Amino acid sequence: MSNLSATLPANEARTNFYQILDEVGSGLRQFTISHRGKPSAVIMSIEEFEGWQETLEIMADKKLVKSIERARKSKAISSKEADKIIGW
């Protein structure tokens, strides 16, 4: 298994489960698992999963999204503003 992202049928994923975990653990791989020919699950590293969760939390915060958009449009912000946007 060499690509960064691969799709495997569930029976192949079951057969190679520990190898998949090892490859995902390196942080460089992710796998889509198909069942009956349709994608049904994804296996990725915990770090990547936590990154996706954080992104979704940010996107769900309308106030934060507006602040980020405002910062992008202004192109120059102070470090205090950046810290405020990030929540530090």
Protein backbone atom coordinates (compact mmCIF):
# COMPACT_ATOMS: atom_id res chain seq x y z
CA MET A 1 0.00 0.00 0.00
CA SER A 2 1.78 3.13 -1.17
CA ASN A 3 -0.57 6.03 -2.04
CA LEU A 4 -1.32 8.67 0.58
CA SER A 5 -5.03 7.93 0.26
CA ALA A 6 -6.54 4.61 -0.75
CA THR A 7 -9.96 2.98 -0.96
CA LEU A 8 -10.28 -0.60 0.22
CA PRO A 9 -13.22 -2.98 0.37
CA ALA A 10 -14.17 -3.90 3.93
CA ASN A 11 -12.97 -7.51 3.61
CA GLU A 12 -9.50 -6.34 2.50
CA ALA A 13 -9.41 -3.79 5.33
CA ARG A 14 -10.27 -6.55 7.80
CA THR A 15 -7.50 -8.78 6.45
CA ASN A 16 -4.91 -5.96 6.59
CA PHE A 17 -6.25 -4.11 9.64
CA TYR A 18 -3.02 -4.00 11.67
CA GLN A 19 -0.98 -2.94 8.64
CA ILE A 20 -3.51 -0.18 7.98
CA LEU A 21 -3.21 0.99 11.59
CA ASP A 22 0.58 1.07 11.29
CA GLU A 23 0.43 3.10 8.08
CA VAL A 24 -2.20 5.48 9.43
CA GLY A 25 -0.17 5.90 12.61
CA SER A 26 2.68 7.36 10.58
CA GLY A 27 0.35 10.27 9.85
CA LEU A 28 0.93 10.03 6.12
CA ARG A 29 -1.90 7.71 5.11
CA GLN A 30 -5.66 7.59 5.20
CA PHE A 31 -8.02 4.91 3.97
CA THR A 32 -11.60 4.99 2.77
CA ILE A 33 -13.35 1.70 3.51
CA SER A 34 -16.10 0.64 1.13
CA HIS A 35 -18.94 -1.72 1.92
CA ARG A 36 -20.99 -3.22 -0.90
CA GLY A 37 -19.17 -0.96 -3.34
CA LYS A 38 -19.93 2.32 -1.56
CA PRO A 39 -17.60 4.38 0.65
CA SER A 40 -18.76 4.01 4.24
CA ALA A 41 -15.89 4.91 6.61
CA VAL A 42 -12.50 6.57 6.79
CA ILE A 43 -9.48 5.52 8.83
CA MET A 44 -7.00 8.33 9.56
CA SER A 45 -4.49 9.26 12.23
CA ILE A 46 -5.80 10.70 15.48
CA GLU A 47 -3.86 13.90 14.78
CA GLU A 48 -5.59 14.36 11.43
CA PHE A 49 -8.98 13.58 12.98
CA GLU A 50 -8.41 16.15 15.74
CA GLY A 51 -7.43 18.70 13.09
CA TRP A 52 -10.70 18.10 11.25
CA GLN A 53 -12.65 18.41 14.51
CA GLU A 54 -10.96 21.73 15.26
CA THR A 55 -11.72 23.00 11.75
CA LEU A 56 -15.39 22.07 12.14
CA GLU A 57 -15.56 23.81 15.53
CA ILE A 58 -14.07 26.98 14.04
CA MET A 59 -16.47 26.89 11.08
CA ALA A 60 -19.42 26.45 13.45
CA ASP A 61 -18.46 29.65 15.32
CA LYS A 62 -19.99 32.36 13.10
CA LYS A 63 -18.34 35.17 15.08
CA LEU A 64 -14.90 33.61 14.67
CA VAL A 65 -15.45 33.00 10.94
CA LYS A 66 -16.41 36.66 10.45
CA SER A 67 -13.31 37.75 12.37
CA ILE A 68 -11.11 35.55 10.21
CA GLU A 69 -12.74 36.88 7.02
CA ARG A 70 -12.27 40.45 8.23
CA ALA A 71 -8.61 39.75 9.02
CA ARG A 72 -8.04 38.22 5.59
CA LYS A 73 -9.56 41.24 3.86
CA SER A 74 -7.52 43.75 5.85
CA LYS A 75 -4.33 41.78 5.06
CA ALA A 76 -2.51 43.41 7.95
CA ILE A 77 -3.47 42.99 11.57
CA SER A 78 -1.68 43.53 14.82
CA SER A 79 -0.40 40.62 16.85
CA LYS A 80 -2.99 41.51 19.51
CA GLU A 81 -5.76 41.18 16.92
CA ALA A 82 -4.34 37.87 15.71
CA ASP A 83 -4.21 36.59 19.29
CA LYS A 84 -7.80 37.74 19.83
CA ILE A 85 -8.98 35.94 16.68
CA ILE A 86 -7.19 32.77 17.68
CA GLY A 87 -8.52 33.05 21.21
CA TRP A 88 -5.25 33.52 23.08
